[in-house]
PDB file of N, CA and C in Angstrom:
ATOM      1  N   UNK A   1      15.698 -36.344  27.703  1.00  0.00           N
ATOM      2  CA  UNK A   1      15.631 -34.739  26.708  1.00  0.00           C
ATOM      3  C   UNK A   1      16.097 -33.569  27.788  1.00  0.00           C
ATOM      4  N   UNK A   2      17.074 -32.468  27.499  1.00  0.00           N
ATOM      5  CA  UNK A   2      17.438 -31.496  27.995  1.00  0.00           C
ATOM      6  C   UNK A   2      16.161 -30.686  28.441  1.00  0.00           C
ATOM      7  N   UNK A   3      16.552 -30.127  29.203  1.00  0.00           N
ATOM      8  CA  UNK A   3      15.854 -28.984  29.844  1.00  0.00           C
ATOM      9  C   UNK A   3      15.521 -27.761  29.199  1.00  0.00           C
ATOM     10  N   UNK A   4      14.351 -27.003  28.190  1.00  0.00           N
ATOM     11  CA  UNK A   4      14.781 -25.870  27.280  1.00  0.00           C
ATOM     12  C   UNK A   4      13.222 -24.758  27.329  1.00  0.00           C
ATOM     13  N   UNK A   5      13.389 -23.746  27.899  1.00  0.00           N
ATOM     14  CA  UNK A   5      12.252 -22.749  28.045  1.00  0.00           C
ATOM     15  C   UNK A   5      13.240 -21.341  27.140  1.00  0.00           C
ATOM     16  N   UNK A   6      12.140 -21.107  26.500  1.00  0.00           N
ATOM     17  CA  UNK A   6      12.208 -19.528  26.349  1.00  0.00           C
ATOM     18  C   UNK A   6      11.459 -18.651  26.791  1.00  0.00           C
ATOM     19  N   UNK A   7      12.156 -17.516  27.382  1.00  0.00           N
ATOM     20  CA  UNK A   7      12.080 -16.423  27.785  1.00  0.00           C
ATOM     21  C   UNK A   7      11.598 -15.627  27.076  1.00  0.00           C
ATOM     22  N   UNK A   8      11.007 -13.957  26.995  1.00  0.00           N
ATOM     23  CA  UNK A   8      11.058 -13.033  26.426  1.00  0.00           C
ATOM     24  C   UNK A   8      11.011 -11.870  26.652  1.00  0.00           C
ATOM     25  N   UNK A   9      11.800 -11.225  26.514  1.00  0.00           N
ATOM     26  CA  UNK A   9      11.628 -10.101  26.988  1.00  0.00           C
ATOM     27  C   UNK A   9      11.474  -8.425  26.499  1.00  0.00           C
ATOM     28  N   UNK A  10       9.772  -8.259  27.130  1.00  0.00           N
ATOM     29  CA  UNK A  10       9.612  -6.582  26.134  1.00  0.00           C
ATOM     30  C   UNK A  10      10.681  -5.705  26.764  1.00  0.00           C
ATOM     31  N   UNK A  11      10.699  -5.098  26.096  1.00  0.00           N
ATOM     32  CA  UNK A  11      11.662  -3.403  25.923  1.00  0.00           C
ATOM     33  C   UNK A  11      11.155  -2.711  25.293  1.00  0.00           C
ATOM     34  N   UNK A  12      10.357  -1.186  26.152  1.00  0.00           N
ATOM     35  CA  UNK A  12       9.785  -0.193  26.406  1.00  0.00           C
ATOM     36  C   UNK A  12      10.591   1.597  26.277  1.00  0.00           C
ATOM     37  N   UNK A  13      11.286   1.603  25.214  1.00  0.00           N
ATOM     38  CA  UNK A  13      12.536   2.651  25.253  1.00  0.00           C
ATOM     39  C   UNK A  13      11.339   4.064  25.008  1.00  0.00           C
ATOM     40  N   UNK A  14      11.052   4.993  25.790  1.00  0.00           N
ATOM     41  CA  UNK A  14      10.528   6.623  26.041  1.00  0.00           C
ATOM     42  C   UNK A  14      11.495   7.363  25.847  1.00  0.00           C
ATOM     43  N   UNK A  15      11.334   8.636  25.144  1.00  0.00           N
ATOM     44  CA  UNK A  15      12.829   9.859  24.886  1.00  0.00           C
ATOM     45  C   UNK A  15      11.468  10.818  25.203  1.00  0.00           C
ATOM     46  N   UNK A  16      11.542  11.773  26.564  1.00  0.00           N
ATOM     47  CA  UNK A  16      11.810  12.798  26.887  1.00  0.00           C
ATOM     48  C   UNK A  16       9.854  13.045  27.088  1.00  0.00           C
ATOM     49  N   UNK A  17       9.660  14.033  27.998  1.00  0.00           N
ATOM     50  CA  UNK A  17       8.884  14.564  28.209  1.00  0.00           C
ATOM     51  C   UNK A  17       8.079  15.503  27.838  1.00  0.00           C
ATOM     52  N   UNK A  18       9.200  16.350  27.356  1.00  0.00           N
ATOM     53  CA  UNK A  18       8.976  17.782  27.242  1.00  0.00           C
ATOM     54  C   UNK A  18       9.638  17.376  25.336  1.00  0.00           C
ATOM     55  N   UNK A  19       9.280  18.317  24.827  1.00  0.00           N
ATOM     56  CA  UNK A  19      10.490  18.310  23.908  1.00  0.00           C
ATOM     57  C   UNK A  19      11.735  19.422  23.905  1.00  0.00           C
ATOM     58  N   UNK A  20      12.681  18.473  23.209  1.00  0.00           N
ATOM     59  CA  UNK A  20      14.570  19.035  23.595  1.00  0.00           C
ATOM     60  C   UNK A  20      14.468  18.096  25.355  1.00  0.00           C
ATOM     61  N   UNK A  21      13.701  17.458  25.813  1.00  0.00           N
ATOM     62  CA  UNK A  21      14.417  16.887  27.271  1.00  0.00           C
ATOM     63  C   UNK A  21      15.483  16.549  27.227  1.00  0.00           C
ATOM     64  N   UNK A  22      15.744  15.216  26.183  1.00  0.00           N
ATOM     65  CA  UNK A  22      17.378  14.944  26.738  1.00  0.00           C
ATOM     66  C   UNK A  22      17.135  13.569  27.376  1.00  0.00           C
ATOM     67  N   UNK A  23      16.222  13.226  27.609  1.00  0.00           N
ATOM     68  CA  UNK A  23      16.305  12.251  29.091  1.00  0.00           C
ATOM     69  C   UNK A  23      15.561  10.984  28.071  1.00  0.00           C
ATOM     70  N   UNK A  24      16.225   9.181  28.123  1.00  0.00           N
ATOM     71  CA  UNK A  24      15.212   8.438  27.382  1.00  0.00           C
ATOM     72  C   UNK A  24      15.397   7.338  28.538  1.00  0.00           C
ATOM     73  N   UNK A  25      13.922   7.268  28.760  1.00  0.00           N
ATOM     74  CA  UNK A  25      13.297   5.801  29.944  1.00  0.00           C
ATOM     75  C   UNK A  25      13.878   4.606  29.366  1.00  0.00           C
ATOM     76  N   UNK A  26      14.009   3.559  29.946  1.00  0.00           N
ATOM     77  CA  UNK A  26      13.381   2.264  28.881  1.00  0.00           C
ATOM     78  C   UNK A  26      12.997   1.215  29.935  1.00  0.00           C
ATOM     79  N   UNK A  27      12.206   0.700  30.434  1.00  0.00           N
ATOM     80  CA  UNK A  27      11.096  -0.597  31.421  1.00  0.00           C
ATOM     81  C   UNK A  27      11.451  -2.167  30.323  1.00  0.00           C
ATOM     82  N   UNK A  28      12.582  -2.829  30.819  1.00  0.00           N
ATOM     83  CA  UNK A  28      12.482  -3.996  30.611  1.00  0.00           C
ATOM     84  C   UNK A  28      11.698  -5.267  31.289  1.00  0.00           C
ATOM     85  N   UNK A  29      10.938  -6.009  30.335  1.00  0.00           N
ATOM     86  CA  UNK A  29       9.796  -6.897  31.634  1.00  0.00           C
ATOM     87  C   UNK A  29       9.866  -8.092  30.771  1.00  0.00           C
ATOM     88  N   UNK A  30      10.246  -8.786  31.812  1.00  0.00           N
ATOM     89  CA  UNK A  30      10.415 -10.436  31.633  1.00  0.00           C
ATOM     90  C   UNK A  30       9.779 -10.997  32.413  1.00  0.00           C
ATOM     91  N   UNK A  31       8.801 -12.119  31.809  1.00  0.00           N
ATOM     92  CA  UNK A  31       7.877 -12.994  32.331  1.00  0.00           C
ATOM     93  C   UNK A  31       8.185 -14.708  32.173  1.00  0.00           C
ATOM     94  N   UNK A  32       8.594 -14.982  33.147  1.00  0.00           N
ATOM     95  CA  UNK A  32       8.955 -16.241  33.294  1.00  0.00           C
ATOM     96  C   UNK A  32       7.976 -17.833  33.185  1.00  0.00           C
ATOM     97  N   UNK A  33       7.115 -17.425  33.517  1.00  0.00           N
ATOM     98  CA  UNK A  33       5.810 -18.076  33.433  1.00  0.00           C
ATOM     99  C   UNK A  33       5.728 -18.412  35.021  1.00  0.00           C
ATOM    100  N   UNK A  34       6.737 -18.557  35.101  1.00  0.00           N
ATOM    101  CA  UNK A  34       6.022 -18.671  37.253  1.00  0.00           C
ATOM    102  C   UNK A  34       6.430 -17.590  37.943  1.00  0.00           C
ATOM    103  N   UNK A  35       7.559 -16.364  37.395  1.00  0.00           N
ATOM    104  CA  UNK A  35       7.633 -15.103  37.842  1.00  0.00           C
ATOM    105  C   UNK A  35       7.574 -13.660  36.919  1.00  0.00           C
ATOM    106  N   UNK A  36       7.477 -12.721  37.537  1.00  0.00           N
ATOM    107  CA  UNK A  36       7.789 -11.522  36.673  1.00  0.00           C
ATOM    108  C   UNK A  36       9.102 -10.601  37.377  1.00  0.00           C
ATOM    109  N   UNK A  37       9.916  -9.920  35.923  1.00  0.00           N
ATOM    110  CA  UNK A  37      10.720  -9.309  36.693  1.00  0.00           C
ATOM    111  C   UNK A  37      10.235  -8.134  35.852  1.00  0.00           C
ATOM    112  N   UNK A  38      10.818  -6.613  36.268  1.00  0.00           N
ATOM    113  CA  UNK A  38      10.751  -5.343  35.912  1.00  0.00           C
ATOM    114  C   UNK A  38      11.947  -4.637  35.673  1.00  0.00           C
ATOM    115  N   UNK A  39      12.716  -4.196  35.097  1.00  0.00           N
ATOM    116  CA  UNK A  39      14.073  -3.446  34.980  1.00  0.00           C
ATOM    117  C   UNK A  39      13.920  -1.862  34.201  1.00  0.00           C
ATOM    118  N   UNK A  40      14.636  -0.781  35.199  1.00  0.00           N
ATOM    119  CA  UNK A  40      14.545  -0.074  34.289  1.00  0.00           C
ATOM    120  C   UNK A  40      15.731   0.947  34.411  1.00  0.00           C
ATOM    121  N   UNK A  41      16.021   1.905  33.158  1.00  0.00           N
ATOM    122  CA  UNK A  41      17.081   2.537  33.298  1.00  0.00           C
ATOM    123  C   UNK A  41      16.844   3.873  32.265  1.00  0.00           C
ATOM    124  N   UNK A  42      17.709   5.169  32.662  1.00  0.00           N
ATOM    125  CA  UNK A  42      17.485   5.694  31.909  1.00  0.00           C
ATOM    126  C   UNK A  42      18.664   6.797  31.793  1.00  0.00           C
ATOM    127  N   UNK A  43      18.140   7.038  30.493  1.00  0.00           N
ATOM    128  CA  UNK A  43      19.822   8.072  30.132  1.00  0.00           C
ATOM    129  C   UNK A  43      19.488   9.487  29.720  1.00  0.00           C
ATOM    130  N   UNK A  44      20.412  10.495  29.776  1.00  0.00           N
ATOM    131  CA  UNK A  44      20.553  12.121  30.234  1.00  0.00           C
ATOM    132  C   UNK A  44      21.340  12.508  29.126  1.00  0.00           C
ATOM    133  N   UNK A  45      20.805  13.277  27.697  1.00  0.00           N
ATOM    134  CA  UNK A  45      22.268  13.543  26.962  1.00  0.00           C
ATOM    135  C   UNK A  45      22.376  14.756  27.657  1.00  0.00           C
ATOM    136  N   UNK A  46      23.887  15.321  27.644  1.00  0.00           N
ATOM    137  CA  UNK A  46      24.536  16.383  28.187  1.00  0.00           C
ATOM    138  C   UNK A  46      24.307  17.811  27.097  1.00  0.00           C
ATOM    139  N   UNK A  47      23.649  18.967  27.667  1.00  0.00           N
ATOM    140  CA  UNK A  47      23.054  19.864  27.459  1.00  0.00           C
ATOM    141  C   UNK A  47      23.723  20.497  26.006  1.00  0.00           C
ATOM    142  N   UNK A  48      25.267  20.313  26.061  1.00  0.00           N
ATOM    143  CA  UNK A  48      25.678  20.416  24.932  1.00  0.00           C
ATOM    144  C   UNK A  48      26.109  19.254  23.901  1.00  0.00           C
ATOM    145  N   UNK A  49      26.161  18.313  23.922  1.00  0.00           N
ATOM    146  CA  UNK A  49      25.721  16.785  23.120  1.00  0.00           C
ATOM    147  C   UNK A  49      24.973  17.519  22.100  1.00  0.00           C
ATOM    148  N   UNK A  50      25.057  16.738  20.650  1.00  0.00           N
ATOM    149  CA  UNK A  50      24.144  16.509  19.869  1.00  0.00           C
ATOM    150  C   UNK A  50      22.938  15.815  19.723  1.00  0.00           C
ATOM    151  N   UNK A  51      22.155  15.769  19.630  1.00  0.00           N
ATOM    152  CA  UNK A  51      20.877  14.501  20.002  1.00  0.00           C
ATOM    153  C   UNK A  51      20.759  13.339  18.460  1.00  0.00           C
ATOM    154  N   UNK A  52      21.369  12.734  19.127  1.00  0.00           N
ATOM    155  CA  UNK A  52      21.356  11.263  18.445  1.00  0.00           C
ATOM    156  C   UNK A  52      20.127  10.088  19.664  1.00  0.00           C
ATOM    157  N   UNK A  53      19.580  10.088  18.739  1.00  0.00           N
ATOM    158  CA  UNK A  53      18.522   9.151  19.910  1.00  0.00           C
ATOM    159  C   UNK A  53      19.068   7.900  19.781  1.00  0.00           C
ATOM    160  N   UNK A  54      20.066   7.078  19.019  1.00  0.00           N
ATOM    161  CA  UNK A  54      19.880   5.678  18.833  1.00  0.00           C
ATOM    162  C   UNK A  54      20.992   5.420  20.176  1.00  0.00           C
ATOM    163  N   UNK A  55      21.762   6.234  20.480  1.00  0.00           N
ATOM    164  CA  UNK A  55      23.311   6.893  21.685  1.00  0.00           C
ATOM    165  C   UNK A  55      21.955   6.546  23.434  1.00  0.00           C
ATOM    166  N   UNK A  56      21.364   7.447  23.350  1.00  0.00           N
ATOM    167  CA  UNK A  56      20.013   7.390  24.616  1.00  0.00           C
ATOM    168  C   UNK A  56      19.321   6.318  24.632  1.00  0.00           C
ATOM    169  N   UNK A  57      19.021   5.502  23.415  1.00  0.00           N
ATOM    170  CA  UNK A  57      18.317   4.592  23.549  1.00  0.00           C
ATOM    171  C   UNK A  57      19.131   3.039  23.866  1.00  0.00           C
ATOM    172  N   UNK A  58      20.321   3.561  23.917  1.00  0.00           N
ATOM    173  CA  UNK A  58      21.635   1.871  23.747  1.00  0.00           C
ATOM    174  C   UNK A  58      22.088   2.070  25.170  1.00  0.00           C
ATOM    175  N   UNK A  59      21.691   3.275  26.115  1.00  0.00           N
ATOM    176  CA  UNK A  59      22.455   3.378  27.372  1.00  0.00           C
ATOM    177  C   UNK A  59      20.775   3.228  28.308  1.00  0.00           C
ATOM    178  N   UNK A  60      20.194   3.698  27.907  1.00  0.00           N
ATOM    179  CA  UNK A  60      18.516   3.142  28.820  1.00  0.00           C
ATOM    180  C   UNK A  60      18.485   2.131  28.845  1.00  0.00           C
ATOM    181  N   UNK A  61      18.693   1.254  27.180  1.00  0.00           N
ATOM    182  CA  UNK A  61      18.378  -0.358  27.409  1.00  0.00           C
ATOM    183  C   UNK A  61      19.057  -0.990  27.870  1.00  0.00           C
ATOM    184  N   UNK A  62      20.458  -0.199  27.443  1.00  0.00           N
ATOM    185  CA  UNK A  62      21.420  -1.806  28.346  1.00  0.00           C
ATOM    186  C   UNK A  62      21.056  -1.613  30.140  1.00  0.00           C
ATOM    187  N   UNK A  63      20.915   0.046  30.667  1.00  0.00           N
ATOM    188  CA  UNK A  63      21.253   0.058  31.885  1.00  0.00           C
ATOM    189  C   UNK A  63      20.071  -1.148  32.304  1.00  0.00           C
ATOM    190  N   UNK A  64      18.408  -1.104  31.710  1.00  0.00           N
ATOM    191  CA  UNK A  64      17.908  -1.567  31.962  1.00  0.00           C
ATOM    192  C   UNK A  64      17.821  -2.956  31.926  1.00  0.00           C
ATOM    193  N   UNK A  65      18.606  -3.336  31.340  1.00  0.00           N
ATOM    194  CA  UNK A  65      18.935  -5.049  31.226  1.00  0.00           C
ATOM    195  C   UNK A  65      19.916  -5.713  31.988  1.00  0.00           C
ATOM    196  N   UNK A  66      20.253  -4.217  32.462  1.00  0.00           N
ATOM    197  CA  UNK A  66      21.512  -4.527  33.414  1.00  0.00           C
ATOM    198  C   UNK A  66      20.919  -5.120  35.616  1.00  0.00           C
ATOM    199  N   UNK A  67      19.715  -4.022  35.034  1.00  0.00           N
ATOM    200  CA  UNK A  67      19.082  -4.122  36.397  1.00  0.00           C
ATOM    201  C   UNK A  67      18.193  -5.208  36.671  1.00  0.00           C
ATOM    202  N   UNK A  68      17.529  -5.606  35.297  1.00  0.00           N
ATOM    203  CA  UNK A  68      17.424  -7.181  35.067  1.00  0.00           C
ATOM    204  C   UNK A  68      17.638  -7.920  35.407  1.00  0.00           C
ATOM    205  N   UNK A  69      18.949  -8.215  34.778  1.00  0.00           N
ATOM    206  CA  UNK A  69      19.813  -9.081  35.633  1.00  0.00           C
ATOM    207  C   UNK A  69      20.230  -9.681  36.846  1.00  0.00           C
ATOM    208  N   UNK A  70      20.697  -8.183  37.258  1.00  0.00           N
ATOM    209  CA  UNK A  70      20.567  -8.198  38.838  1.00  0.00           C
ATOM    210  C   UNK A  70      19.777  -8.652  39.504  1.00  0.00           C
ATOM    211  N   UNK A  71      18.429  -8.484  38.925  1.00  0.00           N
ATOM    212  CA  UNK A  71      17.384  -9.014  40.061  1.00  0.00           C
ATOM    213  C   UNK A  71      17.153 -10.332  39.899  1.00  0.00           C
ATOM    214  N   UNK A  72      17.700 -10.965  38.682  1.00  0.00           N
ATOM    215  CA  UNK A  72      18.079 -12.185  37.813  1.00  0.00           C
ATOM    216  C   UNK A  72      18.471 -13.223  39.198  1.00  0.00           C
ATOM    217  N   UNK A  73      19.765 -12.591  39.253  1.00  0.00           N
ATOM    218  CA  UNK A  73      21.343 -12.970  39.898  1.00  0.00           C
ATOM    219  C   UNK A  73      20.315 -13.255  41.192  1.00  0.00           C
ATOM    220  N   UNK A  74      19.789 -11.987  41.619  1.00  0.00           N
ATOM    221  CA  UNK A  74      19.683 -11.983  43.129  1.00  0.00           C
ATOM    222  C   UNK A  74      18.532 -12.489  43.575  1.00  0.00           C
ATOM    223  N   UNK A  75      17.632 -13.091  42.646  1.00  0.00           N
ATOM    224  CA  UNK A  75      16.704 -13.951  42.536  1.00  0.00           C
ATOM    225  C   UNK A  75      17.330 -15.698  43.363  1.00  0.00           C
ATOM    226  N   UNK A  76      17.965 -15.990  41.763  1.00  0.00           N
ATOM    227  CA  UNK A  76      18.859 -17.333  42.598  1.00  0.00           C
ATOM    228  C   UNK A  76      19.523 -17.793  43.217  1.00  0.00           C
ATOM    229  N   UNK A  77      20.261 -16.570  43.605  1.00  0.00           N
ATOM    230  CA  UNK A  77      20.852 -16.564  45.127  1.00  0.00           C
ATOM    231  C   UNK A  77      20.164 -16.883  46.423  1.00  0.00           C
ATOM    232  N   UNK A  78      19.033 -16.134  46.093  1.00  0.00           N
ATOM    233  CA  UNK A  78      17.923 -16.168  47.679  1.00  0.00           C
ATOM    234  C   UNK A  78      17.330 -18.152  46.927  1.00  0.00           C
ATOM    235  N   UNK A  79      17.352 -18.429  46.114  1.00  0.00           N
ATOM    236  CA  UNK A  79      16.677 -20.169  45.780  1.00  0.00           C
ATOM    237  C   UNK A  79      17.357 -20.687  46.255  1.00  0.00           C
ATOM    238  N   UNK A  80      18.795 -20.729  45.195  1.00  0.00           N
ATOM    239  CA  UNK A  80      19.933 -21.405  45.929  1.00  0.00           C
ATOM    240  C   UNK A  80      20.348 -21.767  47.715  1.00  0.00           C
ATOM    241  N   UNK A  81      20.188 -20.596  48.780  1.00  0.00           N
ATOM    242  CA  UNK A  81      19.933 -20.538  49.579  1.00  0.00           C
ATOM    243  C   UNK A  81      18.850 -21.352  50.527  1.00  0.00           C
ATOM    244  N   UNK A  82      17.400 -21.462  49.824  1.00  0.00           N
ATOM    245  CA  UNK A  82      16.530 -21.921  50.158  1.00  0.00           C
ATOM    246  C   UNK A  82      16.382 -22.946  50.372  1.00  0.00           C
ATOM    247  N   UNK A  83      17.210 -23.764  49.040  1.00  0.00           N
ATOM    248  CA  UNK A  83      17.315 -25.193  48.690  1.00  0.00           C
ATOM    249  C   UNK A  83      18.433 -25.669  49.543  1.00  0.00           C
ATOM    250  N   UNK A  84      18.902 -25.266  50.387  1.00  0.00           N
ATOM    251  CA  UNK A  84      20.171 -25.386  51.232  1.00  0.00           C
ATOM    252  C   UNK A  84      21.635 -25.376  50.274  1.00  0.00           C
ATOM    253  N   UNK A  85      21.577 -24.905  49.212  1.00  0.00           N
ATOM    254  CA  UNK A  85      22.948 -25.208  48.502  1.00  0.00           C
ATOM    255  C   UNK A  85      23.923 -23.833  48.866  1.00  0.00           C
ATOM    256  N   UNK A  86      25.061 -23.876  49.209  1.00  0.00           N
ATOM    257  CA  UNK A  86      26.163 -22.872  48.674  1.00  0.00           C
ATOM    258  C   UNK A  86      25.559 -22.457  47.873  1.00  0.00           C
ATOM    259  N   UNK A  87      26.025 -20.444  47.906  1.00  0.00           N
ATOM    260  CA  UNK A  87      25.667 -20.170  47.126  1.00  0.00           C
ATOM    261  C   UNK A  87      27.217 -20.030  46.127  1.00  0.00           C
ATOM    262  N   UNK A  88      26.867 -19.788  44.263  1.00  0.00           N
ATOM    263  CA  UNK A  88      28.080 -19.573  43.765  1.00  0.00           C
ATOM    264  C   UNK A  88      28.732 -18.533  44.122  1.00  0.00           C
ATOM    265  N   UNK A  89      29.841 -18.799  43.850  1.00  0.00           N
ATOM    266  CA  UNK A  89      31.313 -17.356  44.225  1.00  0.00           C
ATOM    267  C   UNK A  89      30.829 -15.615  42.964  1.00  0.00           C
ATOM    268  N   UNK A  90      29.930 -14.801  43.552  1.00  0.00           N
ATOM    269  CA  UNK A  90      30.074 -14.500  42.109  1.00  0.00           C
ATOM    270  C   UNK A  90      31.233 -13.786  41.146  1.00  0.00           C
ATOM    271  N   UNK A  91      31.447 -13.052  40.271  1.00  0.00           N
ATOM    272  CA  UNK A  91      32.199 -12.927  39.676  1.00  0.00           C
ATOM    273  C   UNK A  91      31.967 -12.118  38.792  1.00  0.00           C
ATOM    274  N   UNK A  92      33.069 -11.276  38.012  1.00  0.00           N
ATOM    275  CA  UNK A  92      32.691  -9.863  37.551  1.00  0.00           C
ATOM    276  C   UNK A  92      32.941 -10.467  35.750  1.00  0.00           C
ATOM    277  N   UNK A  93      31.637 -10.675  35.131  1.00  0.00           N
ATOM    278  CA  UNK A  93      31.531 -11.108  33.574  1.00  0.00           C
ATOM    279  C   UNK A  93      32.445 -10.964  33.101  1.00  0.00           C
ATOM    280  N   UNK A  94      32.857  -9.945  32.918  1.00  0.00           N
ATOM    281  CA  UNK A  94      34.176  -9.409  31.831  1.00  0.00           C
ATOM    282  C   UNK A  94      35.030  -9.482  32.549  1.00  0.00           C
ATOM    283  N   UNK A  95      35.235  -9.675  33.617  1.00  0.00           N
ATOM    284  CA  UNK A  95      36.598  -9.745  34.255  1.00  0.00           C
ATOM    285  C   UNK A  95      37.787 -11.350  34.669  1.00  0.00           C
ATOM    286  N   UNK A  96      36.442 -11.909  35.642  1.00  0.00           N
ATOM    287  CA  UNK A  96      36.204 -13.294  35.703  1.00  0.00           C
ATOM    288  C   UNK A  96      36.845 -13.244  37.034  1.00  0.00           C
ATOM    289  N   UNK A  97      36.819 -11.917  37.994  1.00  0.00           N
ATOM    290  CA  UNK A  97      37.173 -12.046  39.475  1.00  0.00           C
ATOM    291  C   UNK A  97      36.568 -11.626  40.544  1.00  0.00           C
ATOM    292  N   UNK A  98      36.658 -12.354  41.902  1.00  0.00           N
ATOM    293  CA  UNK A  98      35.101 -12.220  42.482  1.00  0.00           C
ATOM    294  C   UNK A  98      35.348 -11.028  42.580  1.00  0.00           C
ATOM    295  N   UNK A  99      33.841 -10.385  43.339  1.00  0.00           N
ATOM    296  CA  UNK A  99      33.076  -8.906  43.356  1.00  0.00           C
ATOM    297  C   UNK A  99      33.086  -9.312  44.776  1.00  0.00           C
TER     298      UNK A  99
END
């Protein structure tokens, strides 16, 4: 039988500390059951840009999820090393070339 698990990520988005601030902050929390990871991201609207909340949410959430992903990869690399195996060569997911 295949190994199957389900991890859930909680994503919290907060826009601005004050009126018209133009900053969106994101926090992505993953609990694997054995470990917990928290990724952070933010986005700031340029002063001359129109206020389109969804765009700030997308940038901040994307950056928080990227941070979370980097933490998971780093942890996996440490776990592989601790197990005595050679680490897998890291590649760019978008371009498939070594990093």
